[in-house]
């Protein structure tokens, strides 16, 4: 039966007890990790968020009642223990911060009993994730998840402190706002008071933070909740958190400067890692050409090589057709993999097809310098030699090639590069490699919509020298946009915003908006721009993704307290779920079930 806490007060957490406390009386509270009854001695490992402390109940040093009560303890019972700290009489546990200490118990209260949990509460759990997420409150007791969430809390707290000293004001923006086009799908919220009308949950605070710049607040920040109704991946959730900021009277260099110092501060304070400043920069074009990705992992090489000119005159139809269609032929060199079995190469081909490739061509450079290739019969000996030379091929290397539209080739080889790096164990997991990616294309062509769309959003400023190209060559216009990438993951991104009416109108025109459409969607922002708008720029980090990289884990769900799974559902609460018909009626909504297709 559960007992009361009346008269008890916790003096410290389990992991806070040190050798300086030897001889002191402490009161600890937490969960029973495990207990071991040795007859006259009962050992209990007591766990809270700070760590584990070994408790000893010794027959004769505590009352018979307390000793009997200790014998009833089971895993996950919640208890309070009062006793004296001493150095361990037995072996020291080097794996615990408190491994040289123990508490000799004098008093025990069982605050709550527990049924047998559906899985062990332990680090690096082997229990299926679906089961752990269904019982998330238990899963969150695991020390590794608790460390992740403590790190997340500290990142948020130190970010606020740093930005406060830099003159930023924390201002909240609305959760119920207007649905706007572009980007991902909105989550819609029906209005009871305005039947037939809907709010949207914000995909980001973008428009409101720009309005705050118009309102003279100069430097804004917010740790903001955002929502996007899109397909999920391992590093994506339908609701997520941004460290959001906007600055007035600035340009690119100002935003990069404050954010480099913020990152250096966080990594020094929380991880003891020194971030070398300034952080490396790379243009979008260079990143795509060298790594096939605008979020390159720089912890290893294996860069892409454009060999289009080398193979232009070859008889290999795959290469020739790609080049005639305006595409390119590029390759990567998997050093030392020339002896890879054909079955393994075939698996790489299937992997590439999963990213849209029609196939992969390869050359295995043998130890004697001869080449084993999937397309050698279409190449002269001299052409093959030039191709190997262009790829810096040496005996024992495996050269892999993709030929298609350049965007497809980048996508395929960029993914293949990462796959091979994992297989070849090329990535130093203890390294943190930052890079700024700059000068993104302002626009990208959508085949589906047969028009240009904004690569970031409609308010991104073009590079000053590219503004004349808006009329003559829109696809060549570069943006004053910048992403901060860490170990192949985009942890943040932003841009300088348009603050001149003529450029904003031209941008809307490029995106296919009429003046009426632009004002219908963004009228409140354009109206504010009529009354004096300062030059401004901003950036937003994905807090979840940043913490995921800092904690060196691969699953974003492990840094979020109550995450969703891939179909955007919550296994614990079973959301989303049907609602009472009366609620729908009040909102003027009716659910229609899609008709079953005829057999």
Protein backbone atom coordinates (compact mmCIF):
# COMPACT_ATOMS: atom_id res chain seq x y z
CA UNK A 1 0.00 0.00 0.00
CA UNK A 2 1.34 3.45 -0.97
CA UNK A 3 2.56 5.65 1.85
CA UNK A 4 2.47 9.40 2.35
CA UNK A 5 5.43 11.77 1.97
CA UNK A 6 4.30 13.67 5.08
CA UNK A 7 7.32 14.91 7.01
CA UNK A 8 9.80 13.88 4.27
CA UNK A 9 11.80 16.18 2.01
CA UNK A 10 14.25 15.05 -0.63
CA UNK A 11 17.71 16.44 0.16
CA UNK A 12 19.30 15.75 -3.24
CA UNK A 13 19.07 13.56 -6.33
CA UNK A 14 20.83 10.20 -6.58
CA UNK A 15 23.54 11.34 -9.00
CA UNK A 16 24.28 14.49 -7.00
CA UNK A 17 25.76 12.58 -4.04
CA UNK A 18 29.60 12.77 -4.03
CA UNK A 19 32.45 11.69 -1.77
CA UNK A 20 32.10 15.07 -0.05
CA UNK A 21 28.80 13.77 1.39
CA UNK A 22 30.35 10.71 3.10
CA UNK A 23 29.06 10.55 6.69
CA UNK A 24 26.05 12.78 5.93
CA UNK A 25 22.42 11.74 6.24
CA UNK A 26 20.47 12.11 2.95
CA UNK A 27 16.93 11.48 1.77
CA UNK A 28 16.67 10.17 -1.80
CA UNK A 29 13.57 9.47 -3.87
CA UNK A 30 13.13 7.64 -7.13
CA UNK A 31 12.41 4.34 -8.86
CA UNK A 32 13.78 0.91 -8.00
CA UNK A 33 16.02 -0.18 -10.87
CA UNK A 34 16.66 -3.60 -9.32
CA UNK A 35 17.08 -5.27 -5.94
CA UNK A 36 19.23 -8.17 -4.75
CA UNK A 37 18.36 -10.00 -1.51
CA UNK A 38 21.45 -11.63 0.00
CA UNK A 39 19.75 -12.78 3.20
CA UNK A 40 20.97 -10.37 5.87
CA UNK A 41 21.69 -7.72 3.22
CA UNK A 42 19.36 -6.25 0.61
CA UNK A 43 20.94 -4.16 -2.18
CA UNK A 44 18.64 -1.76 -4.07
CA UNK A 45 19.67 0.35 -7.07
CA UNK A 46 17.65 3.57 -6.82
CA UNK A 47 17.25 5.56 -10.04
CA UNK A 48 16.16 9.11 -10.81
CA UNK A 49 16.92 11.41 -13.73
CA UNK A 50 20.39 12.22 -12.36
CA UNK A 51 21.68 8.65 -12.07
CA UNK A 52 21.71 5.60 -9.79
CA UNK A 53 22.65 5.22 -6.11
CA UNK A 54 23.16 1.88 -4.40
CA UNK A 55 21.10 1.56 -1.21
CA UNK A 56 21.93 -1.06 1.45
CA UNK A 57 19.36 -2.41 3.91
CA UNK A 58 21.28 -4.34 6.57
CA UNK A 59 19.51 -6.51 9.09
CA UNK A 60 20.24 -4.98 12.50
CA UNK A 61 21.14 -1.50 11.15
CA UNK A 62 17.53 -0.75 10.25
CA UNK A 63 14.37 -1.90 12.01
CA UNK A 64 12.82 -5.27 11.30
CA UNK A 65 9.83 -3.47 9.80
CA UNK A 66 12.00 -1.51 7.37
CA UNK A 67 14.06 -4.57 6.44
CA UNK A 68 10.88 -6.58 5.77
CA UNK A 69 9.50 -3.74 3.68
CA UNK A 70 12.75 -3.59 1.65
CA UNK A 71 12.37 -7.28 0.87
CA UNK A 72 9.07 -6.52 -0.90
CA UNK A 73 10.56 -3.97 -3.31
CA UNK A 74 10.22 -4.71 -7.02
CA UNK A 75 11.34 -3.04 -10.23
CA UNK A 76 9.80 0.45 -10.76
CA UNK A 77 8.41 0.81 -7.22
CA UNK A 78 8.64 4.50 -6.24
CA UNK A 79 10.35 4.87 -2.88
CA UNK A 80 11.85 7.37 -0.46
CA UNK A 81 14.97 6.33 1.48
CA UNK A 82 16.76 8.07 4.34
CA UNK A 83 20.24 6.89 5.29
CA UNK A 84 23.92 7.70 5.67
CA UNK A 85 26.37 8.03 2.79
CA UNK A 86 29.48 5.86 2.98
CA UNK A 87 32.19 4.57 0.67
CA UNK A 88 31.26 1.21 -0.83
CA UNK A 89 32.36 -1.73 1.25
CA UNK A 90 32.32 -3.96 -1.83
CA UNK A 91 33.60 -3.57 -5.40
CA UNK A 92 33.47 -0.11 -6.97
CA UNK A 93 31.28 0.19 -10.10
CA UNK A 94 33.42 2.16 -12.58
CA UNK A 95 30.45 2.57 -14.93
CA UNK A 96 28.52 4.77 -12.47
CA UNK A 97 29.38 8.31 -11.37
CA UNK A 98 28.27 7.20 -7.89
CA UNK A 99 29.94 3.80 -8.21
CA UNK A 100 32.24 4.32 -5.21
CA UNK A 101 29.38 5.26 -2.85
CA UNK A 102 26.35 3.71 -1.18
CA UNK A 103 23.68 4.79 1.27
CA UNK A 104 23.07 2.69 4.38
CA UNK A 105 19.30 2.93 4.85
CA UNK A 106 17.58 3.74 8.10
CA UNK A 107 14.10 4.52 6.83
CA UNK A 108 12.04 3.50 3.79
CA UNK A 109 8.67 4.56 2.45
CA UNK A 110 7.00 2.91 -0.52
CA UNK A 111 5.34 5.87 -2.22
CA UNK A 112 3.88 3.86 -5.08
CA UNK A 113 3.90 0.23 -6.19
CA UNK A 114 4.35 -0.88 -9.79
CA UNK A 115 3.08 -3.70 -11.91
CA UNK A 116 5.72 -5.58 -13.91
CA UNK A 117 6.61 -3.19 -16.76
CA UNK A 118 6.12 -4.42 -20.36
CA UNK A 119 9.86 -4.03 -21.01
CA UNK A 120 13.02 -3.44 -18.95
CA UNK A 121 13.88 0.19 -18.17
CA UNK A 122 17.44 0.17 -19.45
CA UNK A 123 19.78 2.01 -21.78
CA UNK A 124 19.98 1.04 -25.46
CA UNK A 125 16.74 -0.89 -25.20
CA UNK A 126 16.28 -3.76 -27.64
CA UNK A 127 12.49 -3.56 -27.26
CA UNK A 128 10.64 -2.75 -30.50
CA UNK A 129 10.11 0.98 -30.90
CA UNK A 130 6.35 0.54 -31.43
CA UNK A 131 6.04 -1.03 -27.96
CA UNK A 132 8.22 1.63 -26.33
CA UNK A 133 6.22 4.44 -27.95
CA UNK A 134 2.93 2.91 -26.80
CA UNK A 135 4.26 3.00 -23.23
CA UNK A 136 6.18 6.24 -23.74
CA UNK A 137 5.97 7.35 -20.09
CA UNK A 138 7.94 4.22 -19.19
CA UNK A 139 10.31 4.59 -22.13
CA UNK A 140 11.12 8.14 -21.00
CA UNK A 141 12.48 6.73 -17.74
CA UNK A 142 15.42 5.23 -19.64
CA UNK A 143 18.66 7.08 -18.78
CA UNK A 144 19.72 7.58 -22.42
CA UNK A 145 16.41 9.26 -23.33
CA UNK A 146 16.56 11.36 -20.18
CA UNK A 147 20.05 12.55 -21.12
CA UNK A 148 18.75 13.56 -24.56
CA UNK A 149 15.87 15.57 -23.13
CA UNK A 150 18.11 17.19 -20.51
CA UNK A 151 20.49 18.21 -23.33
CA UNK A 152 17.55 19.61 -25.28
CA UNK A 153 16.44 21.66 -22.27
CA UNK A 154 19.94 23.05 -21.81
CA UNK A 155 20.25 23.96 -25.51
CA UNK A 156 17.00 25.96 -25.24
CA UNK A 157 18.02 27.63 -21.98
CA UNK A 158 21.54 28.62 -23.13
CA UNK A 159 20.20 29.84 -26.48
CA UNK A 160 17.83 32.18 -24.69
CA UNK A 161 20.64 33.45 -22.45
CA UNK A 162 23.02 34.02 -25.37
CA UNK A 163 20.48 35.78 -27.60
CA UNK A 164 19.27 37.90 -24.68
CA UNK A 165 22.82 39.24 -24.27
CA UNK A 166 22.89 39.92 -28.03
CA UNK A 167 19.85 42.18 -27.73
CA UNK A 168 17.13 39.80 -28.91
CA UNK A 169 13.59 40.01 -27.53
CA UNK A 170 11.53 36.84 -27.12
CA UNK A 171 8.10 37.50 -28.62
CA UNK A 172 5.37 34.90 -29.17
CA UNK A 173 3.55 34.71 -32.50
CA UNK A 174 0.08 33.20 -33.13
CA UNK A 175 -0.66 29.49 -33.34
CA UNK A 176 -3.98 30.08 -35.14
CA UNK A 177 -3.21 31.92 -38.35
CA UNK A 178 -4.05 32.19 -42.05
CA UNK A 179 -3.39 29.42 -44.55
CA UNK A 180 -0.84 30.47 -47.17
CA UNK A 181 0.36 28.65 -50.31
CA UNK A 182 3.85 27.35 -51.11
CA UNK A 183 5.79 24.82 -49.05
CA UNK A 184 4.18 21.89 -47.23
CA UNK A 185 0.48 21.33 -46.58
CA UNK A 186 -1.09 23.18 -43.66
CA UNK A 187 -2.85 21.62 -40.71
CA UNK A 188 -6.29 23.26 -40.76
CA UNK A 189 -8.44 24.13 -37.73
CA UNK A 190 -12.15 24.76 -38.37
CA UNK A 191 -13.70 27.86 -36.81
CA UNK A 192 -16.93 27.39 -34.85
CA UNK A 193 -17.66 31.13 -34.81
CA UNK A 194 -16.99 31.56 -38.55
CA UNK A 195 -18.64 28.50 -40.16
CA UNK A 196 -16.88 27.32 -43.31
CA UNK A 197 -13.67 29.17 -42.45
CA UNK A 198 -10.44 27.72 -41.15
CA UNK A 199 -7.33 28.71 -39.29
CA UNK A 200 -4.00 27.10 -40.17
CA UNK A 201 -1.39 26.00 -37.68
CA UNK A 202 1.88 27.81 -38.52
CA UNK A 203 4.48 26.09 -40.68
CA UNK A 204 6.83 28.73 -39.29
CA UNK A 205 6.48 32.22 -37.76
CA UNK A 206 7.92 33.69 -41.00
CA UNK A 207 5.40 36.41 -41.82
CA UNK A 208 4.90 37.49 -38.21
CA UNK A 209 8.60 37.86 -37.52
CA UNK A 210 8.92 40.02 -40.63
CA UNK A 211 6.03 42.14 -39.32
CA UNK A 212 7.90 42.53 -36.03
CA UNK A 213 10.84 43.97 -37.97
CA UNK A 214 8.44 46.44 -39.57
CA UNK A 215 7.24 47.28 -36.05
CA UNK A 216 10.70 48.29 -34.88
CA UNK A 217 11.57 45.39 -32.57
CA UNK A 218 14.98 45.11 -34.22
CA UNK A 219 15.98 41.65 -32.96
CA UNK A 220 13.38 38.94 -32.33
CA UNK A 221 13.74 35.34 -31.18
CA UNK A 222 11.32 32.59 -30.24
CA UNK A 223 11.50 28.90 -29.51
CA UNK A 224 8.47 28.20 -31.66
CA UNK A 225 6.24 25.23 -32.34
CA UNK A 226 5.63 24.60 -36.05
CA UNK A 227 3.38 22.20 -37.97
CA UNK A 228 3.63 20.68 -41.45
CA UNK A 229 1.30 18.06 -42.88
CA UNK A 230 3.90 16.19 -44.93
CA UNK A 231 5.27 12.69 -45.32
CA UNK A 232 7.64 11.78 -42.50
CA UNK A 233 11.25 10.60 -42.49
CA UNK A 234 13.60 9.54 -39.72
CA UNK A 235 14.56 13.20 -39.11
CA UNK A 236 11.12 14.79 -39.62
CA UNK A 237 7.95 15.18 -37.52
CA UNK A 238 4.52 16.74 -38.22
CA UNK A 239 5.03 19.09 -35.26
CA UNK A 240 8.49 20.34 -34.44
CA UNK A 241 10.34 23.13 -32.68
CA UNK A 242 12.36 25.95 -34.20
CA UNK A 243 14.88 28.29 -32.66
CA UNK A 244 13.62 31.22 -34.68
CA UNK A 245 15.22 34.64 -35.10
CA UNK A 246 14.98 37.79 -37.22
CA UNK A 247 17.25 40.84 -37.31
CA UNK A 248 16.68 44.31 -38.80
CA UNK A 249 19.28 46.58 -40.47
CA UNK A 250 21.53 43.63 -41.31
CA UNK A 251 22.88 41.66 -44.25
CA UNK A 252 24.19 38.11 -44.65
CA UNK A 253 27.42 38.63 -42.70
CA UNK A 254 25.61 39.91 -39.60
CA UNK A 255 23.32 36.87 -39.39
CA UNK A 256 26.17 34.42 -39.96
CA UNK A 257 28.34 36.16 -37.33
CA UNK A 258 25.83 35.95 -34.47
CA UNK A 259 24.92 32.36 -35.33
CA UNK A 260 28.50 31.16 -35.54
CA UNK A 261 29.10 32.56 -32.07
CA UNK A 262 25.87 30.97 -30.80
CA UNK A 263 26.91 27.54 -32.10
CA UNK A 264 30.42 27.87 -30.68
CA UNK A 265 28.91 28.82 -27.30
CA UNK A 266 26.46 25.87 -27.22
CA UNK A 267 29.03 23.27 -28.25
CA UNK A 268 31.64 24.59 -25.80
CA UNK A 269 29.27 24.83 -22.84
CA UNK A 270 27.36 21.58 -23.36
CA UNK A 271 29.82 19.23 -25.10
CA UNK A 272 33.23 20.71 -24.40
CA UNK A 273 33.74 20.90 -28.19
CA UNK A 274 35.56 23.90 -29.65
CA UNK A 275 34.00 25.04 -32.93
CA UNK A 276 36.64 26.66 -35.11
CA UNK A 277 35.47 30.06 -36.39
CA UNK A 278 34.82 31.23 -38.99
CA UNK A 279 32.89 28.18 -40.17
CA UNK A 280 33.71 27.00 -43.68
CA UNK A 281 31.46 28.30 -46.47
CA UNK A 282 30.53 26.67 -49.74
CA UNK A 283 28.20 27.82 -52.51
CA UNK A 284 25.20 25.68 -53.39
CA UNK A 285 26.68 25.00 -56.83
CA UNK A 286 30.00 23.81 -55.38
CA UNK A 287 28.25 21.59 -52.84
CA UNK A 288 26.12 19.93 -55.52
CA UNK A 289 29.03 19.46 -57.92
CA UNK A 290 31.36 18.02 -55.27
CA UNK A 291 28.96 16.09 -53.04
CA UNK A 292 25.65 15.76 -54.89
CA UNK A 293 23.91 17.37 -51.92
CA UNK A 294 23.17 20.80 -50.51
CA UNK A 295 23.76 19.33 -47.04
CA UNK A 296 27.13 17.64 -47.56
CA UNK A 297 28.79 15.46 -44.94
CA UNK A 298 32.39 16.70 -44.91
CA UNK A 299 33.70 14.06 -42.51
CA UNK A 300 34.96 12.02 -45.47
CA UNK A 301 35.97 12.55 -49.11
CA UNK A 302 34.72 10.44 -52.04
CA UNK A 303 33.72 13.53 -54.01
CA UNK A 304 31.80 13.46 -57.27
CA UNK A 305 33.71 14.00 -60.53
CA UNK A 306 32.12 15.36 -63.69
CA UNK A 307 33.47 13.21 -66.55
CA UNK A 308 31.01 14.39 -69.21
CA UNK A 309 33.76 15.79 -71.45
CA UNK A 310 35.88 12.65 -71.08
CA UNK A 311 33.10 10.29 -72.27
CA UNK A 312 31.43 12.62 -74.76
CA UNK A 313 32.77 10.72 -77.79
CA UNK A 314 32.27 7.21 -76.41
CA UNK A 315 29.96 4.68 -78.06
CA UNK A 316 28.22 3.87 -74.75
CA UNK A 317 24.59 4.78 -75.45
CA UNK A 318 23.74 5.41 -71.77
CA UNK A 319 26.41 8.13 -71.57
CA UNK A 320 25.72 9.52 -75.02
CA UNK A 321 21.93 9.75 -74.57
CA UNK A 322 22.26 11.53 -71.21
CA UNK A 323 24.64 14.12 -72.68
CA UNK A 324 22.54 14.68 -75.79
CA UNK A 325 19.53 15.36 -73.52
CA UNK A 326 21.50 18.08 -71.72
CA UNK A 327 22.40 15.96 -68.71
CA UNK A 328 25.78 14.89 -67.39
CA UNK A 329 27.90 11.85 -66.52
CA UNK A 330 29.50 11.86 -63.08
CA UNK A 331 31.20 9.32 -60.88
CA UNK A 332 32.60 8.53 -57.45
CA UNK A 333 35.70 6.57 -56.54
CA UNK A 334 35.25 3.96 -53.80
CA UNK A 335 38.92 3.62 -52.87
CA UNK A 336 40.10 0.06 -52.28
CA UNK A 337 36.77 -1.52 -53.26
CA UNK A 338 37.85 -2.89 -56.66
CA UNK A 339 37.53 -6.44 -55.38
CA UNK A 340 33.89 -6.00 -54.40
CA UNK A 341 31.87 -9.11 -55.38
CA UNK A 342 29.43 -8.72 -58.25
CA UNK A 343 26.46 -9.47 -55.95
CA UNK A 344 27.41 -6.53 -53.76
CA UNK A 345 27.79 -4.26 -56.79
CA UNK A 346 24.33 -5.38 -57.94
CA UNK A 347 22.97 -4.32 -54.55
CA UNK A 348 24.49 -0.87 -55.06
CA UNK A 349 22.77 -0.71 -58.46
CA UNK A 350 19.43 -1.52 -56.80
CA UNK A 351 20.14 1.11 -54.14
CA UNK A 352 20.76 3.70 -56.89
CA UNK A 353 17.53 2.72 -58.63
CA UNK A 354 15.71 3.50 -55.38
CA UNK A 355 16.80 7.11 -55.87
CA UNK A 356 15.59 7.27 -59.47
CA UNK A 357 18.62 5.98 -61.40
CA UNK A 358 18.09 3.73 -64.39
CA UNK A 359 21.25 1.89 -63.37
CA UNK A 360 24.94 2.32 -62.50
CA UNK A 361 27.99 1.82 -64.68
CA UNK A 362 31.19 0.68 -63.02
CA UNK A 363 34.89 0.07 -63.50
CA UNK A 364 36.80 -2.16 -61.09
CA UNK A 365 40.50 -1.32 -61.43
CA UNK A 366 42.38 -4.59 -60.88
CA UNK A 367 45.62 -4.82 -58.91
CA UNK A 368 47.56 -5.27 -62.17
CA UNK A 369 46.04 -2.06 -63.58
CA UNK A 370 43.60 -3.74 -65.97
CA UNK A 371 39.92 -2.80 -65.84
CA UNK A 372 36.87 -4.94 -65.30
CA UNK A 373 33.90 -2.90 -66.45
CA UNK A 374 30.19 -3.12 -67.27
CA UNK A 375 30.68 -0.97 -70.39
CA UNK A 376 34.30 -1.59 -71.52
CA UNK A 377 33.23 -2.95 -74.93
CA UNK A 378 31.80 0.47 -75.82
CA UNK A 379 35.04 2.30 -75.00
CA UNK A 380 38.43 2.39 -76.68
CA UNK A 381 41.44 1.48 -74.58
CA UNK A 382 42.53 5.13 -74.63
CA UNK A 383 39.06 6.38 -73.57
CA UNK A 384 39.02 3.91 -70.67
CA UNK A 385 42.48 5.03 -69.60
CA UNK A 386 41.43 8.70 -69.69
CA UNK A 387 38.28 7.96 -67.71
CA UNK A 388 40.17 6.11 -64.97
CA UNK A 389 42.70 8.93 -64.88
CA UNK A 390 39.94 11.57 -64.59
CA UNK A 391 38.55 9.64 -61.59
CA UNK A 392 42.00 9.42 -59.92
CA UNK A 393 41.59 5.66 -60.20
CA UNK A 394 44.33 3.42 -58.86
CA UNK A 395 44.71 -0.36 -58.70
CA UNK A 396 42.11 -1.72 -56.27
CA UNK A 397 39.57 1.11 -56.77
CA UNK A 398 35.90 0.80 -57.74
CA UNK A 399 34.59 3.61 -59.95
CA UNK A 400 30.82 4.08 -60.12
CA UNK A 401 29.03 6.27 -62.67
CA UNK A 402 25.54 7.73 -63.13
CA UNK A 403 24.29 9.34 -66.34
CA UNK A 404 21.02 11.29 -66.53
CA UNK A 405 19.67 14.79 -65.99
CA UNK A 406 22.19 16.49 -63.73
CA UNK A 407 19.71 16.90 -60.88
CA UNK A 408 19.06 13.14 -60.93
CA UNK A 409 22.78 12.34 -61.11
CA UNK A 410 23.46 14.54 -58.07
CA UNK A 411 20.64 12.88 -56.16
CA UNK A 412 21.77 9.33 -56.96
CA UNK A 413 25.51 9.78 -56.39
CA UNK A 414 24.96 11.95 -53.30
CA UNK A 415 22.96 9.12 -51.70
CA UNK A 416 25.36 6.43 -52.95
CA UNK A 417 28.30 8.35 -51.48
CA UNK A 418 26.71 8.23 -48.02
CA UNK A 419 25.79 4.55 -48.37
CA UNK A 420 29.34 3.59 -49.34
CA UNK A 421 30.80 5.68 -46.52
CA UNK A 422 28.70 3.67 -44.03
CA UNK A 423 29.68 0.37 -45.61
CA UNK A 424 33.37 1.34 -45.70
CA UNK A 425 33.30 2.81 -42.17
CA UNK A 426 34.69 6.15 -43.35
CA UNK A 427 32.75 8.38 -40.96
CA UNK A 428 34.30 9.53 -37.70
CA UNK A 429 31.26 9.62 -35.41
CA UNK A 430 33.14 11.77 -32.88
CA UNK A 431 33.73 14.60 -35.36
CA UNK A 432 31.51 17.66 -35.80
CA UNK A 433 31.91 19.25 -39.27
CA UNK A 434 30.00 22.45 -39.91
CA UNK A 435 29.59 24.20 -43.24
CA UNK A 436 27.52 27.15 -44.46
CA UNK A 437 25.86 26.54 -47.83
CA UNK A 438 25.26 29.88 -49.58
CA UNK A 439 23.97 31.33 -52.87
CA UNK A 440 21.09 28.89 -53.39
CA UNK A 441 19.05 29.25 -56.58
CA UNK A 442 16.24 31.69 -55.90
CA UNK A 443 13.77 29.66 -57.99
CA UNK A 444 13.34 26.09 -59.17
CA UNK A 445 11.23 24.89 -62.07
CA UNK A 446 8.27 22.65 -61.25
CA UNK A 447 7.46 20.20 -64.06
CA UNK A 448 4.13 19.39 -62.39
CA UNK A 449 2.95 23.00 -62.14
CA UNK A 450 4.81 24.21 -65.26
CA UNK A 451 6.09 27.27 -63.41
CA UNK A 452 8.84 28.49 -61.14
CA UNK A 453 8.48 27.93 -57.41
CA UNK A 454 10.49 29.54 -54.62
CA UNK A 455 13.30 27.29 -53.38
CA UNK A 456 12.91 28.82 -49.90
CA UNK A 457 9.90 31.16 -49.78
CA UNK A 458 8.53 34.13 -51.79
CA UNK A 459 10.23 36.73 -49.55
CA UNK A 460 13.87 35.74 -50.17
CA UNK A 461 16.11 38.48 -51.58
CA UNK A 462 18.01 37.80 -54.83
CA UNK A 463 21.76 38.47 -54.95
CA UNK A 464 22.11 42.14 -55.84
CA UNK A 465 24.11 41.46 -59.01
CA UNK A 466 21.53 38.89 -60.21
CA UNK A 467 18.45 41.15 -60.01
CA UNK A 468 18.63 42.05 -63.76
CA UNK A 469 18.39 38.32 -64.58
CA UNK A 470 14.86 38.15 -63.12
CA UNK A 471 13.58 39.33 -66.52
CA UNK A 472 15.99 37.43 -68.79
CA UNK A 473 17.08 34.23 -67.01
CA UNK A 474 15.13 33.61 -63.77
CA UNK A 475 16.57 30.13 -63.28
CA UNK A 476 20.10 31.57 -62.98
CA UNK A 477 19.22 34.00 -60.17
CA UNK A 478 20.94 33.22 -56.87
CA UNK A 479 19.36 33.97 -53.50
CA UNK A 480 20.77 35.66 -50.42
CA UNK A 481 20.01 32.42 -48.63
CA UNK A 482 22.17 30.35 -46.31
CA UNK A 483 21.86 26.97 -44.59
CA UNK A 484 23.99 25.78 -41.70
CA UNK A 485 24.85 22.09 -42.13
CA UNK A 486 26.34 19.75 -39.52
CA UNK A 487 27.60 16.28 -40.43
CA UNK A 488 25.35 16.04 -43.48
CA UNK A 489 22.23 17.34 -41.75
CA UNK A 490 20.71 20.77 -42.34
CA UNK A 491 20.24 22.08 -38.80
CA UNK A 492 19.16 25.59 -39.78
CA UNK A 493 18.49 27.90 -42.66
CA UNK A 494 17.51 31.44 -43.48
CA UNK A 495 17.84 34.35 -45.85
CA UNK A 496 17.88 38.07 -46.33
CA UNK A 497 14.29 39.18 -47.00
CA UNK A 498 12.97 41.37 -49.78
CA UNK A 499 12.12 44.83 -48.45
CA UNK A 500 11.65 46.72 -51.75
CA UNK A 501 8.15 46.71 -53.25
CA UNK A 502 9.30 46.49 -56.88
CA UNK A 503 11.42 43.39 -56.23
CA UNK A 504 8.64 41.77 -54.19
CA UNK A 505 6.14 42.37 -56.99
CA UNK A 506 8.59 40.93 -59.52
CA UNK A 507 9.06 37.86 -57.31
CA UNK A 508 5.30 37.26 -57.13
CA UNK A 509 5.14 37.67 -60.91
CA UNK A 510 7.90 35.05 -61.34
CA UNK A 511 5.91 32.65 -59.14
CA UNK A 512 2.76 33.10 -61.22
CA UNK A 513 0.79 35.23 -58.73
CA UNK A 514 -1.51 37.96 -59.98
CA UNK A 515 -1.57 41.14 -57.87
CA UNK A 516 -4.98 40.10 -56.61
CA UNK A 517 -3.74 36.65 -55.58
CA UNK A 518 -0.69 38.09 -53.84
CA UNK A 519 -2.83 40.53 -51.86
CA UNK A 520 -5.39 37.84 -51.05
CA UNK A 521 -2.72 35.61 -49.52
CA UNK A 522 -0.18 38.10 -48.13
CA UNK A 523 -2.10 41.37 -48.01
CA UNK A 524 -1.45 42.01 -44.30
CA UNK A 525 2.32 41.79 -44.89
CA UNK A 526 2.29 43.86 -48.09
CA UNK A 527 0.14 46.46 -46.34
CA UNK A 528 2.71 46.73 -43.54
CA UNK A 529 5.47 47.13 -46.13
CA UNK A 530 3.80 50.35 -47.33
CA UNK A 531 4.75 52.15 -44.13
CA UNK A 532 8.51 51.86 -43.92
CA UNK A 533 10.21 48.48 -43.77
CA UNK A 534 13.85 48.09 -42.74
CA UNK A 535 16.26 45.69 -44.47
CA UNK A 536 16.00 42.47 -42.47
CA UNK A 537 17.13 38.86 -42.43
CA UNK A 538 16.69 35.80 -40.29
CA UNK A 539 17.42 32.19 -39.60
CA UNK A 540 15.67 29.27 -37.93
CA UNK A 541 17.19 26.10 -36.49
CA UNK A 542 15.36 22.82 -36.19
CA UNK A 543 15.85 22.38 -32.43
CA UNK A 544 15.00 18.67 -32.64
CA UNK A 545 17.52 18.08 -35.42
CA UNK A 546 20.24 20.16 -33.73
CA UNK A 547 19.91 18.15 -30.50
CA UNK A 548 19.84 14.91 -32.49
CA UNK A 549 23.22 15.80 -34.04
CA UNK A 550 24.69 16.99 -30.73
CA UNK A 551 23.60 13.73 -29.05
CA UNK A 552 25.01 11.66 -31.97
CA UNK A 553 21.83 9.69 -32.54
CA UNK A 554 20.02 8.78 -35.78
CA UNK A 555 16.37 8.93 -34.72
CA UNK A 556 14.69 12.28 -34.14
CA UNK A 557 12.04 10.59 -31.99
CA UNK A 558 14.72 9.99 -29.36
CA UNK A 559 15.07 13.73 -28.64
CA UNK A 560 11.32 14.49 -28.49
CA UNK A 561 9.30 13.65 -25.39
CA UNK A 562 6.12 12.53 -27.13
CA UNK A 563 6.82 12.02 -30.85
CA UNK A 564 4.66 10.79 -33.70
CA UNK A 565 5.44 7.78 -35.89
CA UNK A 566 5.72 7.68 -39.69
CA UNK A 567 1.97 7.92 -40.34
CA UNK A 568 1.84 11.01 -38.07
CA UNK A 569 -0.03 9.14 -35.33
CA UNK A 570 0.72 8.94 -31.60
CA UNK A 571 0.82 5.33 -30.43
CA UNK A 572 0.40 6.33 -26.78
CA UNK A 573 -2.69 8.56 -27.03
CA UNK A 574 -3.99 6.97 -30.27
CA UNK A 575 -4.27 10.40 -31.90
CA UNK A 576 -5.64 11.27 -34.38
CA UNK A 577 -8.99 9.73 -33.51
CA UNK A 578 -12.66 10.24 -34.42
CA UNK A 579 -14.54 12.90 -32.46
CA UNK A 580 -18.05 13.03 -31.10
CA UNK A 581 -20.61 13.73 -33.89
CA UNK A 582 -21.96 16.61 -31.78
CA UNK A 583 -18.59 18.37 -32.09
CA UNK A 584 -18.67 18.04 -35.86
CA UNK A 585 -22.24 19.34 -35.98
CA UNK A 586 -21.27 22.35 -33.91
CA UNK A 587 -18.49 23.10 -36.39
CA UNK A 588 -20.74 22.57 -39.38
CA UNK A 589 -18.61 19.66 -40.61
CA UNK A 590 -19.66 16.37 -42.14
CA UNK A 591 -17.34 13.41 -42.73
CA UNK A 592 -17.83 11.66 -46.06
CA UNK A 593 -16.24 8.27 -46.54
CA UNK A 594 -14.56 7.80 -49.90
CA UNK A 595 -16.47 5.38 -52.11
CA UNK A 596 -14.93 1.93 -52.51
CA UNK A 597 -13.55 1.44 -56.05
CA UNK A 598 -15.65 -0.93 -58.12
CA UNK A 599 -14.18 -4.39 -58.65
